[in-house]
Amino acid sequence: MYFQHAEDVWSEYPELVAAAITTSGITPTADVDARVAQFVGAAKARLADGTESDLPEIKAWRQTFTKMGLKPTQYRCASEALLRRLRKEGDLPRIHPLIDLCNAVSVAYAIPVGVFDLDEVAGFLEVRHAAGDEDYLTFAGTSENPEPRELIFADAEGRAHARRWTNRQSGRSAVRESTSRVLIVSEAMHASAAEDVASLMKTLADAVAEAWQVNTDSTILTSVERRFTISA
């Protein structure tokens, strides 16, 4: 099993910096409250003098969504949606300890973080342009097909595990109580993305290892070394 971005994605978005983390042994009982509070507090400090749209990380993703032909105020990257909710509601929802931790790190860095249950992924996971016939399962349990050329996370059976790149994940591979093996992906486009994504990766990998007492494997992906082999 592996994760990668297709070659033409790197060609079209050379500013992309991505990280991947994998581990097994995840349970729904870990205590991450202190770490979540720490990261959410950091995000609130960044929002104290403005809104999420002022942050360079979010500006870069808005430009990327515009390049994809999407209206960035209609389709937001995951970190912008979380930051917007945090600014309006004062906190983030609690879903599962791993999701709560990843969401908190995402708002602290203003960088999208996606988490996939590897037992629901067939063969591999690749960010690529859609043909338009892939099956996307919503959280409501209904099926959709992405638009042709839409950027999706696709597996070997032609199932879309996320639509519009960092906009919306599928319910099929969402983390649930039975989840044990996961792939965590973070992607950024802004000027200091190389340093920030590397910092996010280490911070999150260390927090996961501490909370669940597990080993993690992680890497930074590039256009040259774009495949991450998943051994978990």
Protein backbone atom coordinates (compact mmCIF):
# COMPACT_ATOMS: atom_id res chain seq x y z
CA MET A 1 0.00 0.00 0.00
CA TYR A 2 1.21 3.52 -0.73
CA PHE A 3 0.23 7.19 -0.88
CA GLN A 4 1.27 9.65 -3.55
CA HIS A 5 0.31 12.65 -5.66
CA ALA A 6 0.10 12.06 -9.39
CA GLU A 7 2.90 13.48 -11.53
CA ASP A 8 0.65 16.07 -13.19
CA VAL A 9 -0.43 17.37 -9.76
CA TRP A 10 3.20 18.19 -8.97
CA SER A 11 3.58 19.75 -12.43
CA GLU A 12 0.53 21.98 -12.00
CA TYR A 13 1.22 22.86 -8.35
CA PRO A 14 5.02 22.98 -7.93
CA GLU A 15 4.61 25.01 -4.73
CA LEU A 16 2.97 22.01 -3.01
CA VAL A 17 4.59 20.67 0.15
CA ALA A 18 3.07 17.50 1.61
CA ALA A 19 3.66 15.26 4.60
CA ALA A 20 2.37 11.78 5.38
CA ILE A 21 2.21 10.00 8.73
CA THR A 22 1.07 6.45 9.32
CA THR A 23 0.55 4.37 12.44
CA SER A 24 -1.51 1.52 13.84
CA GLY A 25 -2.93 0.86 17.28
CA ILE A 26 -5.31 3.83 17.35
CA THR A 27 -8.19 3.51 19.84
CA PRO A 28 -11.06 5.84 20.79
CA THR A 29 -9.97 6.06 24.43
CA ALA A 30 -6.78 8.15 24.37
CA ASP A 31 -6.72 11.35 26.41
CA VAL A 32 -5.71 14.28 24.17
CA ASP A 33 -7.56 17.08 25.95
CA ALA A 34 -4.45 18.93 27.15
CA ARG A 35 -2.78 18.85 23.75
CA VAL A 36 -5.99 19.88 21.99
CA ALA A 37 -6.37 22.84 24.34
CA GLN A 38 -2.74 23.84 23.68
CA PHE A 39 -3.15 23.82 19.89
CA VAL A 40 -6.57 25.47 19.92
CA GLY A 41 -5.13 28.19 22.15
CA ALA A 42 -2.36 28.79 19.60
CA ALA A 43 -4.96 29.10 16.85
CA LYS A 44 -7.02 31.57 18.85
CA ALA A 45 -3.90 33.68 19.38
CA ARG A 46 -3.35 33.80 15.61
CA LEU A 47 -6.98 34.86 15.09
CA ALA A 48 -6.84 37.59 17.73
CA ASP A 49 -5.87 40.31 15.27
CA GLY A 50 -7.90 39.24 12.24
CA THR A 51 -9.73 36.43 10.51
CA GLU A 52 -8.59 33.18 8.97
CA SER A 53 -8.66 34.75 5.50
CA ASP A 54 -5.75 37.00 6.55
CA LEU A 55 -3.41 34.07 7.19
CA PRO A 56 -0.85 33.30 4.46
CA GLU A 57 -1.57 29.57 4.65
CA ILE A 58 -5.25 30.19 3.90
CA LYS A 59 -4.56 32.81 1.23
CA ALA A 60 -2.41 30.28 -0.62
CA TRP A 61 -5.14 27.63 -0.56
CA ARG A 62 -7.71 30.18 -1.72
CA GLN A 63 -5.48 30.92 -4.69
CA THR A 64 -5.18 27.19 -5.35
CA PHE A 65 -8.96 26.72 -5.27
CA THR A 66 -9.34 29.62 -7.69
CA LYS A 67 -6.80 27.93 -9.99
CA MET A 68 -8.89 24.75 -9.77
CA GLY A 69 -11.89 26.75 -11.02
CA LEU A 70 -13.63 26.82 -7.64
CA LYS A 71 -15.03 29.81 -5.78
CA PRO A 72 -12.83 29.88 -2.63
CA THR A 73 -15.53 31.38 -0.41
CA GLN A 74 -17.90 28.57 -1.41
CA TYR A 75 -15.43 25.70 -1.26
CA ARG A 76 -12.93 26.11 1.58
CA CYS A 77 -9.92 24.00 2.44
CA ALA A 78 -10.40 21.96 5.62
CA SER A 79 -8.21 24.17 7.82
CA GLU A 80 -10.05 27.33 6.78
CA ALA A 81 -13.41 25.71 7.55
CA LEU A 82 -12.18 24.69 11.00
CA LEU A 83 -10.67 28.10 11.74
CA ARG A 84 -13.89 29.78 10.67
CA ARG A 85 -15.88 27.57 13.01
CA LEU A 86 -13.42 28.19 15.84
CA ARG A 87 -13.65 31.96 15.36
CA LYS A 88 -17.45 31.92 15.34
CA GLU A 89 -18.14 29.29 18.01
CA GLY A 90 -15.06 29.59 20.23
CA ASP A 91 -14.19 25.89 20.12
CA LEU A 92 -14.04 22.82 17.88
CA PRO A 93 -16.40 19.82 18.04
CA ARG A 94 -15.18 16.64 19.72
CA ILE A 95 -15.48 13.62 17.43
CA HIS A 96 -12.74 11.05 18.17
CA PRO A 97 -9.44 11.65 20.00
CA LEU A 98 -7.37 11.32 16.82
CA ILE A 99 -9.65 13.60 14.82
CA ASP A 100 -9.77 16.08 17.69
CA LEU A 101 -5.96 16.14 17.86
CA CYS A 102 -5.51 16.48 14.10
CA ASN A 103 -8.14 19.23 13.89
CA ALA A 104 -6.42 21.12 16.70
CA VAL A 105 -3.02 20.86 15.02
CA SER A 106 -4.63 21.90 11.74
CA VAL A 107 -6.01 25.15 13.19
CA ALA A 108 -2.77 25.87 15.06
CA TYR A 109 -0.81 25.72 11.80
CA ALA A 110 -3.71 26.81 9.51
CA ILE A 111 -2.79 23.85 7.27
CA PRO A 112 -5.22 21.12 6.18
CA VAL A 113 -4.79 17.72 7.86
CA GLY A 114 -6.71 14.71 6.59
CA VAL A 115 -7.00 11.33 8.34
CA PHE A 116 -7.92 8.13 6.51
CA ASP A 117 -8.84 4.71 7.93
CA LEU A 118 -6.50 2.46 5.94
CA ASP A 119 -8.75 -0.58 6.35
CA GLU A 120 -11.27 1.23 4.15
CA VAL A 121 -8.73 2.09 1.41
CA ALA A 122 -8.11 -0.38 -1.43
CA GLY A 123 -4.51 -0.84 -2.58
CA PHE A 124 -3.25 2.74 -2.54
CA LEU A 125 -4.33 6.34 -2.14
CA GLU A 126 -3.43 8.89 -4.80
CA VAL A 127 -4.24 12.56 -5.25
CA ARG A 128 -5.16 12.80 -8.92
CA HIS A 129 -7.60 14.28 -11.40
CA ALA A 130 -10.94 12.49 -11.49
CA ALA A 131 -12.27 10.72 -14.54
CA GLY A 132 -15.76 11.51 -13.28
CA ASP A 133 -16.97 7.96 -12.68
CA GLU A 134 -15.37 7.47 -9.25
CA ASP A 135 -17.67 6.68 -6.33
CA TYR A 136 -17.69 9.12 -3.41
CA LEU A 137 -19.64 8.17 -0.30
CA THR A 138 -20.95 11.12 1.69
CA PHE A 139 -21.25 11.17 5.49
CA ALA A 140 -25.01 10.88 4.97
CA GLY A 141 -24.49 7.55 3.18
CA THR A 142 -25.33 8.70 -0.35
CA SER A 143 -23.08 8.27 -3.38
CA GLU A 144 -21.77 11.03 -5.64
CA ASN A 145 -19.49 11.23 -8.64
CA PRO A 146 -16.80 13.92 -8.77
CA GLU A 147 -16.62 16.25 -11.72
CA PRO A 148 -14.17 15.24 -14.47
CA ARG A 149 -10.73 16.74 -13.76
CA GLU A 150 -11.67 17.50 -10.15
CA LEU A 151 -8.79 16.75 -7.79
CA ILE A 152 -9.60 13.80 -5.56
CA PHE A 153 -8.00 11.24 -3.26
CA ALA A 154 -8.62 7.96 -5.13
CA ASP A 155 -7.88 4.33 -4.32
CA ALA A 156 -7.22 1.28 -6.51
CA GLU A 157 -10.94 0.51 -6.87
CA GLY A 158 -11.79 3.96 -8.18
CA ARG A 159 -13.36 5.18 -4.97
CA ALA A 160 -12.93 8.86 -4.09
CA HIS A 161 -11.93 9.36 -0.45
CA ALA A 162 -11.91 13.16 -0.70
CA ARG A 163 -13.35 15.67 -3.17
CA ARG A 164 -11.99 19.03 -4.31
CA TRP A 165 -8.59 18.13 -2.88
CA THR A 166 -8.61 19.47 0.70
CA ASN A 167 -12.27 20.48 0.76
CA ARG A 168 -14.35 17.45 1.76
CA GLN A 169 -13.46 13.93 2.93
CA SER A 170 -15.55 10.83 2.27
CA GLY A 171 -17.52 9.05 4.96
CA ARG A 172 -16.09 5.75 3.70
CA SER A 173 -12.62 6.13 5.23
CA ALA A 174 -13.47 8.51 8.06
CA VAL A 175 -12.07 7.58 11.47
CA ARG A 176 -14.52 5.68 13.68
CA GLU A 177 -14.40 3.76 16.96
CA SER A 178 -13.13 0.61 15.22
CA THR A 179 -10.31 2.41 13.40
CA SER A 180 -6.80 1.14 14.12
CA ARG A 181 -4.58 1.83 11.07
CA VAL A 182 -4.48 5.38 9.75
CA LEU A 183 -2.82 7.59 7.18
CA ILE A 184 -2.55 11.27 8.07
CA VAL A 185 -1.87 13.72 5.23
CA SER A 186 -1.00 17.41 5.46
CA GLU A 187 -0.57 19.72 2.46
CA ALA A 188 0.36 23.38 2.11
CA MET A 189 1.07 25.91 -0.63
CA HIS A 190 2.33 29.08 1.08
CA ALA A 191 5.84 30.54 0.92
CA SER A 192 7.12 29.01 4.16
CA ALA A 193 5.33 25.68 3.62
CA ALA A 194 8.52 23.60 3.61
CA GLU A 195 9.43 24.65 7.15
CA ASP A 196 5.86 24.73 8.45
CA VAL A 197 4.79 21.33 7.12
CA ALA A 198 7.95 19.72 8.50
CA SER A 199 7.21 21.28 11.90
CA LEU A 200 3.57 20.19 11.76
CA MET A 201 4.58 16.64 10.84
CA LYS A 202 6.97 16.29 13.77
CA THR A 203 4.57 17.93 16.21
CA LEU A 204 1.67 15.71 15.20
CA ALA A 205 3.69 12.49 14.94
CA ASP A 206 5.12 13.09 18.44
CA ALA A 207 1.67 13.86 19.86
CA VAL A 208 0.15 10.70 18.35
CA ALA A 209 3.04 8.55 19.59
CA GLU A 210 2.68 10.00 23.09
CA ALA A 211 -1.10 9.74 23.32
CA TRP A 212 -1.45 6.20 21.96
CA GLN A 213 1.99 4.82 22.88
CA VAL A 214 2.57 3.72 19.28
CA ASN A 215 5.29 4.01 16.68
CA THR A 216 4.76 6.31 13.72
CA ASP A 217 6.33 6.51 10.28
CA SER A 218 6.41 9.84 8.48
CA THR A 219 7.96 11.63 5.53
CA ILE A 220 7.92 14.81 3.47
CA LEU A 221 6.83 14.18 -0.11
CA THR A 222 8.38 15.89 -3.12
CA SER A 223 7.96 15.77 -6.89
CA VAL A 224 11.04 13.52 -6.98
CA GLU A 225 10.22 11.36 -3.95
CA ARG A 226 6.46 11.44 -4.22
CA ARG A 227 5.53 7.90 -3.09
CA PHE A 228 5.17 7.01 0.60
CA THR A 229 5.12 3.27 1.20
CA ILE A 230 2.76 2.37 4.03
CA SER A 231 3.98 -0.44 6.23
CA ALA A 232 1.59 -0.06 9.19
